[in-house]
């Protein structure tokens, strides 16, 4: 059974938005909480919603802003349910205001991908997992694709990626560019990830 042309077009447009903006949206969603996994889940939910809602209502003029709105709601709901220390009202308000401001000017959505890459290259992350983590968070590659690039069994890669994200959350790694003294230690991992991207083509 073949998908309807309209459904294929919506999926194609969603995939184009994902290729263009996935890392930028994820970095913005995860910046305040350091909870990469929760931000990924929220963004995945937003893309899933897009496939159904864009089908009936059409692709919005500002798809990135639409995705941010949905993902933000999912993320805030998750934080409220979790009842964690980071889910205080002031913190939630800051997240909401920051993302709301970005949605008002979608062309000016802050690009925090480099800060996200540096967070993934933090010394508390296992050295061998820094580049794979960057590939997943910035490009949205799945564990199987990354495992193939690094010659590691997919299940093993998946487990290690989960642990690495947990470490970022546990250590509350800041999403910011390191100072000049700490930058060289992280730069190799960032460059390794970029090299892996080009190798994969």
N, C-alpha and C. Protein backbone atom coordinates (compact mmCIF):
# COMPACT_ATOMS: atom_id res chain seq x y z
N UNK A 1 0.84 -1.19 0.00
CA UNK A 1 0.00 0.00 0.00
C UNK A 1 0.87 1.24 0.00
N UNK A 2 0.65 2.12 -0.98
CA UNK A 2 1.49 3.30 -1.11
C UNK A 2 0.88 4.47 -0.36
N UNK A 3 1.77 5.34 0.16
CA UNK A 3 1.29 6.53 0.85
C UNK A 3 0.70 7.50 -0.16
N UNK A 4 -0.31 8.24 0.26
CA UNK A 4 -0.90 9.25 -0.60
C UNK A 4 0.14 10.33 -0.90
N UNK A 5 0.09 10.93 -2.12
CA UNK A 5 1.06 11.97 -2.46
C UNK A 5 1.11 13.10 -1.45
N UNK A 6 -0.08 13.52 -0.93
CA UNK A 6 -0.10 14.62 0.03
C UNK A 6 0.62 14.23 1.32
N UNK A 7 0.40 12.98 1.75
CA UNK A 7 1.07 12.50 2.96
C UNK A 7 2.58 12.46 2.76
N UNK A 8 3.00 12.02 1.56
CA UNK A 8 4.42 11.96 1.27
C UNK A 8 5.01 13.37 1.26
N UNK A 9 4.24 14.36 0.74
CA UNK A 9 4.73 15.72 0.69
C UNK A 9 4.91 16.29 2.09
N UNK A 10 3.95 16.04 2.97
CA UNK A 10 4.06 16.51 4.36
C UNK A 10 5.26 15.87 5.03
N UNK A 11 5.42 14.57 4.84
CA UNK A 11 6.57 13.89 5.44
C UNK A 11 7.88 14.46 4.90
N UNK A 12 7.91 14.71 3.60
CA UNK A 12 9.12 15.28 2.99
C UNK A 12 9.44 16.65 3.56
N UNK A 13 8.42 17.48 3.74
CA UNK A 13 8.64 18.80 4.31
C UNK A 13 9.11 18.72 5.75
N UNK A 14 8.52 17.80 6.51
CA UNK A 14 8.96 17.61 7.90
C UNK A 14 10.41 17.14 7.95
N UNK A 15 10.77 16.25 7.04
CA UNK A 15 12.16 15.76 7.00
C UNK A 15 13.13 16.88 6.64
N UNK A 16 12.70 17.76 5.74
CA UNK A 16 13.56 18.89 5.37
C UNK A 16 13.77 19.83 6.56
N UNK A 17 12.69 20.07 7.29
CA UNK A 17 12.81 20.91 8.48
C UNK A 17 13.74 20.25 9.49
N UNK A 18 13.62 18.93 9.64
CA UNK A 18 14.47 18.20 10.59
C UNK A 18 15.94 18.32 10.18
N UNK A 19 16.22 18.13 8.89
CA UNK A 19 17.61 18.23 8.44
C UNK A 19 18.17 19.63 8.66
N UNK A 20 17.31 20.62 8.45
CA UNK A 20 17.76 22.00 8.53
C UNK A 20 17.88 22.50 9.97
N UNK A 21 16.97 22.06 10.84
CA UNK A 21 16.85 22.72 12.14
C UNK A 21 16.89 21.83 13.37
N UNK A 22 17.03 20.51 13.22
CA UNK A 22 16.94 19.61 14.37
C UNK A 22 17.90 20.02 15.49
N UNK A 23 19.16 20.15 15.17
CA UNK A 23 20.16 20.47 16.20
C UNK A 23 19.92 21.82 16.85
N UNK A 24 19.48 22.78 16.05
CA UNK A 24 19.23 24.12 16.58
C UNK A 24 18.06 24.11 17.56
N UNK A 25 16.98 23.38 17.20
CA UNK A 25 15.82 23.29 18.08
C UNK A 25 16.16 22.52 19.35
N UNK A 26 16.88 21.42 19.20
CA UNK A 26 17.24 20.62 20.38
C UNK A 26 18.12 21.41 21.33
N UNK A 27 19.09 22.13 20.80
CA UNK A 27 19.99 22.91 21.65
C UNK A 27 19.22 23.95 22.45
N UNK A 28 18.25 24.59 21.81
CA UNK A 28 17.45 25.60 22.50
C UNK A 28 16.59 24.97 23.59
N UNK A 29 15.97 23.82 23.28
CA UNK A 29 15.10 23.16 24.25
C UNK A 29 15.87 22.64 25.46
N UNK A 30 17.09 22.16 25.24
CA UNK A 30 17.85 21.52 26.32
C UNK A 30 18.77 22.47 27.07
N UNK A 31 18.93 23.69 26.57
CA UNK A 31 19.95 24.59 27.12
C UNK A 31 19.78 24.87 28.61
N UNK A 32 18.56 25.09 29.07
CA UNK A 32 18.37 25.48 30.47
C UNK A 32 18.35 24.29 31.42
N UNK A 33 17.92 23.14 30.95
CA UNK A 33 17.75 22.00 31.85
C UNK A 33 18.91 21.01 31.82
N UNK A 34 19.71 21.04 30.76
CA UNK A 34 20.77 20.04 30.53
C UNK A 34 20.20 18.64 30.37
N UNK A 35 18.88 18.55 30.16
CA UNK A 35 18.23 17.25 30.00
C UNK A 35 18.03 16.99 28.51
N UNK A 36 19.08 16.46 27.89
CA UNK A 36 19.06 16.23 26.44
C UNK A 36 18.00 15.19 26.07
N UNK A 37 17.90 14.14 26.87
CA UNK A 37 16.95 13.07 26.55
C UNK A 37 15.51 13.58 26.57
N UNK A 38 15.15 14.39 27.56
CA UNK A 38 13.80 14.94 27.64
C UNK A 38 13.53 15.87 26.47
N UNK A 39 14.53 16.66 26.09
CA UNK A 39 14.37 17.57 24.95
C UNK A 39 14.21 16.77 23.66
N UNK A 40 14.96 15.69 23.52
CA UNK A 40 14.81 14.83 22.34
C UNK A 40 13.41 14.24 22.26
N UNK A 41 12.91 13.76 23.40
CA UNK A 41 11.56 13.18 23.42
C UNK A 41 10.52 14.22 23.05
N UNK A 42 10.66 15.43 23.59
CA UNK A 42 9.71 16.50 23.29
C UNK A 42 9.74 16.86 21.81
N UNK A 43 10.93 16.92 21.25
CA UNK A 43 11.05 17.26 19.83
C UNK A 43 10.53 16.14 18.95
N UNK A 44 10.77 14.89 19.35
CA UNK A 44 10.23 13.75 18.59
C UNK A 44 8.71 13.78 18.60
N UNK A 45 8.12 14.11 19.75
CA UNK A 45 6.66 14.23 19.84
C UNK A 45 6.15 15.33 18.93
N UNK A 46 6.91 16.43 18.88
CA UNK A 46 6.50 17.55 18.03
C UNK A 46 6.51 17.16 16.56
N UNK A 47 7.54 16.44 16.14
CA UNK A 47 7.60 15.99 14.75
C UNK A 47 6.50 14.98 14.45
N UNK A 48 6.21 14.11 15.41
CA UNK A 48 5.12 13.15 15.22
C UNK A 48 3.79 13.88 15.07
N UNK A 49 3.58 14.90 15.88
CA UNK A 49 2.35 15.69 15.78
C UNK A 49 2.28 16.41 14.44
N UNK A 50 3.43 16.87 13.98
CA UNK A 50 3.47 17.59 12.70
C UNK A 50 2.99 16.69 11.56
N UNK A 51 3.38 15.43 11.58
CA UNK A 51 2.99 14.53 10.50
C UNK A 51 1.49 14.36 10.39
N UNK A 52 0.80 14.42 11.53
CA UNK A 52 -0.65 14.28 11.49
C UNK A 52 -1.36 15.63 11.32
N UNK A 53 -0.93 16.62 12.07
CA UNK A 53 -1.64 17.90 12.02
C UNK A 53 -1.36 18.69 10.74
N UNK A 54 -0.15 18.60 10.22
CA UNK A 54 0.15 19.30 8.97
C UNK A 54 -0.60 18.67 7.81
N UNK A 55 -0.89 17.38 7.96
CA UNK A 55 -1.63 16.68 6.91
C UNK A 55 -3.04 17.27 6.75
N UNK A 56 -3.67 17.58 7.88
CA UNK A 56 -5.04 18.09 7.81
C UNK A 56 -5.09 19.61 7.71
N UNK A 57 -4.16 20.27 8.38
CA UNK A 57 -4.22 21.74 8.42
C UNK A 57 -3.23 22.45 7.53
N UNK A 58 -2.36 21.68 6.87
CA UNK A 58 -1.34 22.29 6.02
C UNK A 58 -0.08 22.62 6.81
N UNK A 59 1.03 22.73 6.09
CA UNK A 59 2.31 23.06 6.72
C UNK A 59 2.29 24.54 7.10
N UNK A 60 2.58 24.87 8.35
CA UNK A 60 2.54 26.27 8.77
C UNK A 60 3.60 27.11 8.06
N UNK A 61 3.37 28.40 8.04
CA UNK A 61 4.33 29.31 7.40
C UNK A 61 5.67 29.30 8.13
N UNK A 62 5.61 29.08 9.44
CA UNK A 62 6.83 29.05 10.25
C UNK A 62 6.93 27.70 10.95
N UNK A 63 7.35 26.67 10.21
CA UNK A 63 7.34 25.32 10.79
C UNK A 63 8.23 25.16 12.02
N UNK A 64 9.39 25.85 12.03
CA UNK A 64 10.27 25.74 13.20
C UNK A 64 9.59 26.31 14.45
N UNK A 65 8.89 27.44 14.29
CA UNK A 65 8.19 28.04 15.42
C UNK A 65 7.07 27.12 15.91
N UNK A 66 6.38 26.48 14.96
CA UNK A 66 5.30 25.53 15.31
C UNK A 66 5.89 24.37 16.11
N UNK A 67 6.99 23.82 15.64
CA UNK A 67 7.63 22.70 16.34
C UNK A 67 8.10 23.11 17.73
N UNK A 68 8.66 24.32 17.83
CA UNK A 68 9.10 24.80 19.14
C UNK A 68 7.94 24.92 20.12
N UNK A 69 6.81 25.41 19.62
CA UNK A 69 5.63 25.56 20.48
C UNK A 69 5.20 24.21 21.05
N UNK A 70 5.06 23.21 20.17
CA UNK A 70 4.62 21.89 20.59
C UNK A 70 5.66 21.23 21.50
N UNK A 71 6.92 21.30 21.10
CA UNK A 71 7.98 20.67 21.89
C UNK A 71 8.11 21.33 23.26
N UNK A 72 7.96 22.65 23.31
CA UNK A 72 8.04 23.35 24.59
C UNK A 72 6.95 22.86 25.54
N UNK A 73 5.73 22.73 25.02
CA UNK A 73 4.63 22.25 25.87
C UNK A 73 4.92 20.85 26.38
N UNK A 74 5.42 19.98 25.50
CA UNK A 74 5.73 18.61 25.92
C UNK A 74 6.82 18.61 26.99
N UNK A 75 7.83 19.45 26.79
CA UNK A 75 8.94 19.49 27.74
C UNK A 75 8.49 20.02 29.09
N UNK A 76 7.69 21.07 29.09
CA UNK A 76 7.20 21.62 30.35
C UNK A 76 6.30 20.63 31.07
N UNK A 77 5.46 19.92 30.31
CA UNK A 77 4.61 18.89 30.91
C UNK A 77 5.46 17.80 31.55
N UNK A 78 6.51 17.40 30.85
CA UNK A 78 7.41 16.37 31.37
C UNK A 78 8.05 16.82 32.68
N UNK A 79 8.51 18.07 32.70
CA UNK A 79 9.17 18.58 33.90
C UNK A 79 8.20 18.67 35.08
N UNK A 80 6.98 19.08 34.79
CA UNK A 80 5.99 19.17 35.87
C UNK A 80 5.68 17.78 36.44
N UNK A 81 5.54 16.81 35.54
CA UNK A 81 5.25 15.44 35.99
C UNK A 81 6.41 14.86 36.78
N UNK A 82 7.63 15.17 36.32
CA UNK A 82 8.81 14.62 36.98
C UNK A 82 8.97 15.21 38.37
N UNK A 83 8.54 16.46 38.55
CA UNK A 83 8.62 17.08 39.87
C UNK A 83 10.05 17.22 40.36
N UNK A 84 10.99 17.40 39.44
CA UNK A 84 12.39 17.50 39.82
C UNK A 84 12.72 18.90 40.33
N UNK A 85 13.90 19.04 40.88
CA UNK A 85 14.35 20.33 41.40
C UNK A 85 14.32 21.40 40.30
N UNK A 86 14.64 21.01 39.07
CA UNK A 86 14.69 21.98 37.99
C UNK A 86 13.31 22.39 37.52
N UNK A 87 12.28 21.75 38.07
CA UNK A 87 10.92 22.04 37.61
C UNK A 87 10.24 23.11 38.44
N UNK A 88 11.01 23.94 39.14
CA UNK A 88 10.43 25.05 39.90
C UNK A 88 9.74 26.03 38.97
N UNK A 89 8.79 26.76 39.50
CA UNK A 89 8.01 27.67 38.67
C UNK A 89 8.87 28.73 37.99
N UNK A 90 9.86 29.26 38.69
CA UNK A 90 10.71 30.29 38.09
C UNK A 90 11.46 29.72 36.90
N UNK A 91 11.97 28.49 37.08
CA UNK A 91 12.73 27.86 36.00
C UNK A 91 11.83 27.60 34.79
N UNK A 92 10.64 27.08 35.05
CA UNK A 92 9.70 26.83 33.96
C UNK A 92 9.35 28.12 33.24
N UNK A 93 9.18 29.19 33.99
CA UNK A 93 8.83 30.48 33.40
C UNK A 93 9.97 30.96 32.49
N UNK A 94 11.20 30.79 32.92
CA UNK A 94 12.35 31.21 32.10
C UNK A 94 12.41 30.44 30.79
N UNK A 95 12.19 29.14 30.88
CA UNK A 95 12.20 28.31 29.66
C UNK A 95 11.11 28.77 28.71
N UNK A 96 9.91 28.94 29.26
CA UNK A 96 8.78 29.34 28.42
C UNK A 96 9.03 30.69 27.77
N UNK A 97 9.54 31.65 28.53
CA UNK A 97 9.78 32.98 27.98
C UNK A 97 10.86 32.96 26.90
N UNK A 98 11.91 32.19 27.14
CA UNK A 98 13.01 32.13 26.17
C UNK A 98 12.55 31.54 24.85
N UNK A 99 11.80 30.45 24.93
CA UNK A 99 11.34 29.80 23.70
C UNK A 99 10.24 30.63 23.04
N UNK A 100 9.42 31.28 23.86
CA UNK A 100 8.38 32.16 23.31
C UNK A 100 9.02 33.28 22.50
N UNK A 101 10.11 33.84 23.02
CA UNK A 101 10.81 34.91 22.30
C UNK A 101 11.37 34.40 20.99
N UNK A 102 11.89 33.18 21.00
CA UNK A 102 12.43 32.61 19.77
C UNK A 102 11.34 32.37 18.75
N UNK A 103 10.15 31.99 19.21
CA UNK A 103 9.04 31.72 18.28
C UNK A 103 8.53 32.99 17.62
N UNK A 104 8.70 34.13 18.29
CA UNK A 104 8.24 35.39 17.70
C UNK A 104 9.08 35.78 16.50
N UNK A 105 10.34 35.38 16.51
CA UNK A 105 11.25 35.69 15.40
C UNK A 105 11.94 34.40 14.96
N UNK A 106 11.22 33.53 14.24
CA UNK A 106 11.78 32.23 13.89
C UNK A 106 13.07 32.30 13.08
N UNK A 107 13.23 33.40 12.33
CA UNK A 107 14.46 33.53 11.56
C UNK A 107 15.65 33.83 12.46
N UNK A 108 15.34 34.25 13.69
CA UNK A 108 16.40 34.59 14.64
C UNK A 108 16.46 33.61 15.79
N UNK A 109 15.98 32.37 15.58
CA UNK A 109 16.07 31.36 16.64
C UNK A 109 17.54 31.23 17.02
N UNK A 110 17.85 31.39 18.30
CA UNK A 110 19.26 31.33 18.71
C UNK A 110 19.90 30.02 18.26
N UNK A 111 21.08 30.13 17.72
CA UNK A 111 21.80 28.93 17.27
C UNK A 111 22.80 28.54 18.35
N UNK A 112 22.43 27.56 19.14
CA UNK A 112 23.28 27.12 20.24
C UNK A 112 23.92 25.77 19.96
N UNK A 113 23.99 25.42 18.67
CA UNK A 113 24.54 24.11 18.34
C UNK A 113 26.00 23.96 18.77
N UNK A 114 26.79 25.01 18.63
CA UNK A 114 28.19 24.90 19.06
C UNK A 114 28.27 24.71 20.57
N UNK A 115 27.41 25.42 21.31
CA UNK A 115 27.39 25.23 22.77
C UNK A 115 26.95 23.81 23.12
N UNK A 116 25.98 23.27 22.35
CA UNK A 116 25.54 21.89 22.57
C UNK A 116 26.68 20.91 22.29
N UNK A 117 27.43 21.16 21.21
CA UNK A 117 28.56 20.30 20.88
C UNK A 117 29.60 20.33 21.99
N UNK A 118 29.87 21.51 22.52
CA UNK A 118 30.85 21.62 23.59
C UNK A 118 30.36 20.94 24.87
N UNK A 119 29.05 20.98 25.11
CA UNK A 119 28.50 20.26 26.27
C UNK A 119 28.68 18.76 26.10
N UNK A 120 28.46 18.27 24.88
CA UNK A 120 28.64 16.84 24.59
C UNK A 120 30.11 16.42 24.69
N UNK A 121 31.01 17.39 24.57
CA UNK A 121 32.44 17.10 24.64
C UNK A 121 33.01 17.40 26.03
N UNK A 122 32.13 17.56 27.01
CA UNK A 122 32.56 17.88 28.37
C UNK A 122 33.41 16.74 28.94
N UNK A 123 34.41 17.06 29.76
CA UNK A 123 35.29 16.03 30.32
C UNK A 123 34.57 14.94 31.11
N UNK A 124 33.37 15.22 31.62
CA UNK A 124 32.67 14.18 32.39
C UNK A 124 32.06 13.11 31.48
N UNK A 125 32.00 13.38 30.17
CA UNK A 125 31.50 12.39 29.22
C UNK A 125 32.66 11.49 28.80
N UNK A 126 32.40 10.19 28.76
CA UNK A 126 33.41 9.23 28.32
C UNK A 126 33.99 9.68 26.98
N UNK A 127 35.32 9.70 26.89
CA UNK A 127 35.99 10.26 25.72
C UNK A 127 35.49 9.65 24.40
N UNK A 128 35.31 8.34 24.39
CA UNK A 128 34.90 7.68 23.16
C UNK A 128 33.45 7.94 22.77
N UNK A 129 32.69 8.55 23.65
CA UNK A 129 31.27 8.80 23.37
C UNK A 129 30.98 10.25 23.02
N UNK A 130 31.98 11.09 23.09
CA UNK A 130 31.72 12.52 22.83
C UNK A 130 31.32 12.78 21.38
N UNK A 131 32.08 12.27 20.44
CA UNK A 131 31.74 12.48 19.03
C UNK A 131 30.40 11.82 18.67
N UNK A 132 30.16 10.56 19.06
CA UNK A 132 28.85 9.95 18.77
C UNK A 132 27.69 10.75 19.35
N UNK A 133 27.86 11.28 20.56
CA UNK A 133 26.80 12.05 21.19
C UNK A 133 26.52 13.33 20.40
N UNK A 134 27.57 13.95 19.90
CA UNK A 134 27.40 15.15 19.06
C UNK A 134 26.62 14.80 17.80
N UNK A 135 26.95 13.68 17.18
CA UNK A 135 26.25 13.28 15.96
C UNK A 135 24.76 13.07 16.21
N UNK A 136 24.42 12.50 17.36
CA UNK A 136 23.01 12.25 17.63
C UNK A 136 22.27 13.52 17.98
N UNK A 137 22.85 14.36 18.82
CA UNK A 137 22.13 15.53 19.28
C UNK A 137 22.06 16.63 18.23
N UNK A 138 23.11 16.81 17.47
CA UNK A 138 23.14 17.91 16.51
C UNK A 138 22.50 17.52 15.18
N UNK A 139 22.75 16.28 14.74
CA UNK A 139 22.22 15.86 13.44
C UNK A 139 20.98 14.98 13.55
N UNK A 140 20.70 14.46 14.73
CA UNK A 140 19.54 13.59 14.88
C UNK A 140 19.78 12.18 14.35
N UNK A 141 21.03 11.78 14.18
CA UNK A 141 21.32 10.42 13.72
C UNK A 141 20.90 9.43 14.80
N UNK A 142 20.42 8.26 14.37
CA UNK A 142 20.03 7.26 15.37
C UNK A 142 21.23 6.40 15.76
N UNK A 143 21.03 5.61 16.81
CA UNK A 143 22.12 4.81 17.36
C UNK A 143 22.70 3.84 16.34
N UNK A 144 21.84 3.26 15.50
CA UNK A 144 22.32 2.28 14.51
C UNK A 144 23.25 2.95 13.49
N UNK A 145 22.87 4.14 13.03
CA UNK A 145 23.70 4.85 12.06
C UNK A 145 25.05 5.22 12.68
N UNK A 146 25.02 5.69 13.92
CA UNK A 146 26.26 6.07 14.58
C UNK A 146 27.11 4.84 14.85
N UNK A 147 26.47 3.75 15.26
CA UNK A 147 27.20 2.50 15.53
C UNK A 147 27.94 2.03 14.29
N UNK A 148 27.30 2.14 13.12
CA UNK A 148 27.94 1.72 11.88
C UNK A 148 29.17 2.56 11.59
N UNK A 149 29.09 3.86 11.88
CA UNK A 149 30.21 4.76 11.62
C UNK A 149 31.38 4.48 12.55
N UNK A 150 31.09 4.00 13.76
CA UNK A 150 32.15 3.78 14.75
C UNK A 150 32.44 2.30 15.00
N UNK A 151 31.82 1.44 14.17
CA UNK A 151 32.07 0.00 14.24
C UNK A 151 31.80 -0.57 15.64
N UNK A 152 30.65 -0.19 16.19
CA UNK A 152 30.22 -0.66 17.51
C UNK A 152 28.82 -1.25 17.35
N UNK A 153 28.49 -2.36 18.04
CA UNK A 153 27.14 -2.92 17.94
C UNK A 153 26.09 -1.87 18.30
N UNK A 154 24.99 -1.80 17.54
CA UNK A 154 23.96 -0.78 17.79
C UNK A 154 23.43 -0.76 19.22
N UNK A 155 23.19 -1.94 19.82
CA UNK A 155 22.67 -1.98 21.18
C UNK A 155 23.66 -1.36 22.17
N UNK A 156 24.93 -1.65 21.96
CA UNK A 156 25.97 -1.09 22.83
C UNK A 156 26.03 0.42 22.68
N UNK A 157 25.98 0.89 21.42
CA UNK A 157 26.02 2.32 21.17
C UNK A 157 24.81 3.00 21.82
N UNK A 158 23.63 2.39 21.69
CA UNK A 158 22.43 2.97 22.28
C UNK A 158 22.56 3.13 23.78
N UNK A 159 23.07 2.11 24.45
CA UNK A 159 23.23 2.15 25.91
C UNK A 159 24.22 3.23 26.32
N UNK A 160 25.31 3.33 25.56
CA UNK A 160 26.33 4.33 25.90
C UNK A 160 25.82 5.75 25.68
N UNK A 161 25.02 5.95 24.65
CA UNK A 161 24.45 7.28 24.39
C UNK A 161 23.50 7.68 25.52
N UNK A 162 22.70 6.72 25.99
CA UNK A 162 21.78 7.01 27.10
C UNK A 162 22.58 7.40 28.34
N UNK A 163 23.66 6.67 28.63
CA UNK A 163 24.48 6.99 29.80
C UNK A 163 25.12 8.37 29.67
N UNK A 164 25.57 8.70 28.46
CA UNK A 164 26.21 10.00 28.25
C UNK A 164 25.23 11.15 28.48
N UNK A 165 24.00 10.99 28.01
CA UNK A 165 22.98 12.03 28.23
C UNK A 165 22.63 12.15 29.70
N UNK A 166 22.60 11.02 30.37
CA UNK A 166 22.32 11.04 31.81
C UNK A 166 23.42 11.78 32.56
N UNK A 167 24.64 11.62 32.09
CA UNK A 167 25.76 12.30 32.73
C UNK A 167 25.65 13.81 32.58
N UNK A 168 25.23 14.27 31.39
CA UNK A 168 25.05 15.71 31.17
C UNK A 168 24.01 16.26 32.14
N UNK A 169 22.92 15.53 32.29
CA UNK A 169 21.86 15.98 33.20
C UNK A 169 22.31 15.91 34.65
N UNK A 170 22.93 14.81 35.02
CA UNK A 170 23.37 14.61 36.40
C UNK A 170 24.38 15.67 36.82
N UNK A 171 25.32 15.97 35.95
CA UNK A 171 26.37 16.95 36.27
C UNK A 171 25.95 18.38 35.96
N UNK A 172 24.72 18.54 35.42
CA UNK A 172 24.22 19.87 35.05
C UNK A 172 25.24 20.62 34.21
N UNK A 173 25.70 19.94 33.17
CA UNK A 173 26.69 20.54 32.27
C UNK A 173 26.08 21.76 31.59
N UNK A 174 26.79 22.87 31.65
CA UNK A 174 26.28 24.11 31.06
C UNK A 174 26.41 24.07 29.54
N UNK A 175 25.40 24.59 28.87
CA UNK A 175 25.43 24.70 27.41
C UNK A 175 26.04 26.06 27.07
N UNK A 176 27.34 26.11 27.11
CA UNK A 176 28.04 27.35 26.82
C UNK A 176 29.41 27.04 26.25
N UNK A 177 29.98 28.02 25.59
CA UNK A 177 31.31 27.83 25.04
C UNK A 177 32.31 27.85 26.19
N UNK A 178 33.24 26.88 26.23
CA UNK A 178 34.22 26.86 27.32
C UNK A 178 35.19 28.02 27.19
N UNK A 179 35.86 28.32 28.29
CA UNK A 179 36.86 29.39 28.22
C UNK A 179 38.07 28.92 27.42
N UNK A 180 38.95 29.84 27.12
CA UNK A 180 40.11 29.55 26.27
C UNK A 180 40.95 28.41 26.83
N UNK A 181 41.05 28.34 28.15
CA UNK A 181 41.87 27.31 28.79
C UNK A 181 41.29 25.91 28.59
N UNK A 182 39.95 25.80 28.62
CA UNK A 182 39.30 24.48 28.52
C UNK A 182 38.95 24.08 27.09
N UNK A 183 38.99 25.04 26.17
CA UNK A 183 38.55 24.76 24.81
C UNK A 183 39.35 23.66 24.11
N UNK A 184 40.70 23.65 24.19
CA UNK A 184 41.45 22.62 23.47
C UNK A 184 41.05 21.19 23.84
N UNK A 185 40.70 20.95 25.11
CA UNK A 185 40.34 19.61 25.55
C UNK A 185 39.06 19.13 24.88
N UNK A 186 38.19 20.05 24.49
CA UNK A 186 36.92 19.68 23.88
C UNK A 186 36.95 19.74 22.36
N UNK A 187 37.88 20.51 21.85
CA UNK A 187 37.92 20.75 20.41
C UNK A 187 38.14 19.47 19.62
N UNK A 188 38.98 18.57 20.11
CA UNK A 188 39.26 17.32 19.39
C UNK A 188 37.98 16.53 19.17
N UNK A 189 37.13 16.44 20.18
CA UNK A 189 35.88 15.68 20.06
C UNK A 189 34.94 16.33 19.05
N UNK A 190 34.88 17.65 19.08
CA UNK A 190 34.05 18.37 18.13
C UNK A 190 34.55 18.12 16.70
N UNK A 191 35.85 18.20 16.50
CA UNK A 191 36.42 17.98 15.18
C UNK A 191 36.25 16.53 14.73
N UNK A 192 36.34 15.58 15.67
CA UNK A 192 36.11 14.17 15.34
C UNK A 192 34.69 13.95 14.84
N UNK A 193 33.74 14.62 15.47
CA UNK A 193 32.35 14.50 15.04
C UNK A 193 32.16 15.09 13.65
N UNK A 194 32.78 16.24 13.41
CA UNK A 194 32.68 16.86 12.08
C UNK A 194 33.31 15.95 11.03
N UNK A 195 34.45 15.36 11.37
CA UNK A 195 35.10 14.43 10.45
C UNK A 195 34.21 13.24 10.14
N UNK A 196 33.55 12.71 11.18
CA UNK A 196 32.65 11.57 10.99
C UNK A 196 31.48 11.95 10.09
N UNK A 197 31.00 13.17 10.20
CA UNK A 197 29.91 13.65 9.35
C UNK A 197 30.34 13.62 7.90
N UNK A 198 31.53 14.14 7.63
CA UNK A 198 32.01 14.18 6.24
C UNK A 198 32.31 12.77 5.73
N UNK A 199 32.80 11.92 6.61
CA UNK A 199 33.09 10.54 6.20
C UNK A 199 31.82 9.82 5.79
N UNK A 200 30.76 10.07 6.56
CA UNK A 200 29.46 9.44 6.25
C UNK A 200 28.89 10.01 4.97
N UNK A 201 29.29 11.23 4.64
CA UNK A 201 28.84 11.85 3.39
C UNK A 201 27.45 12.41 3.49
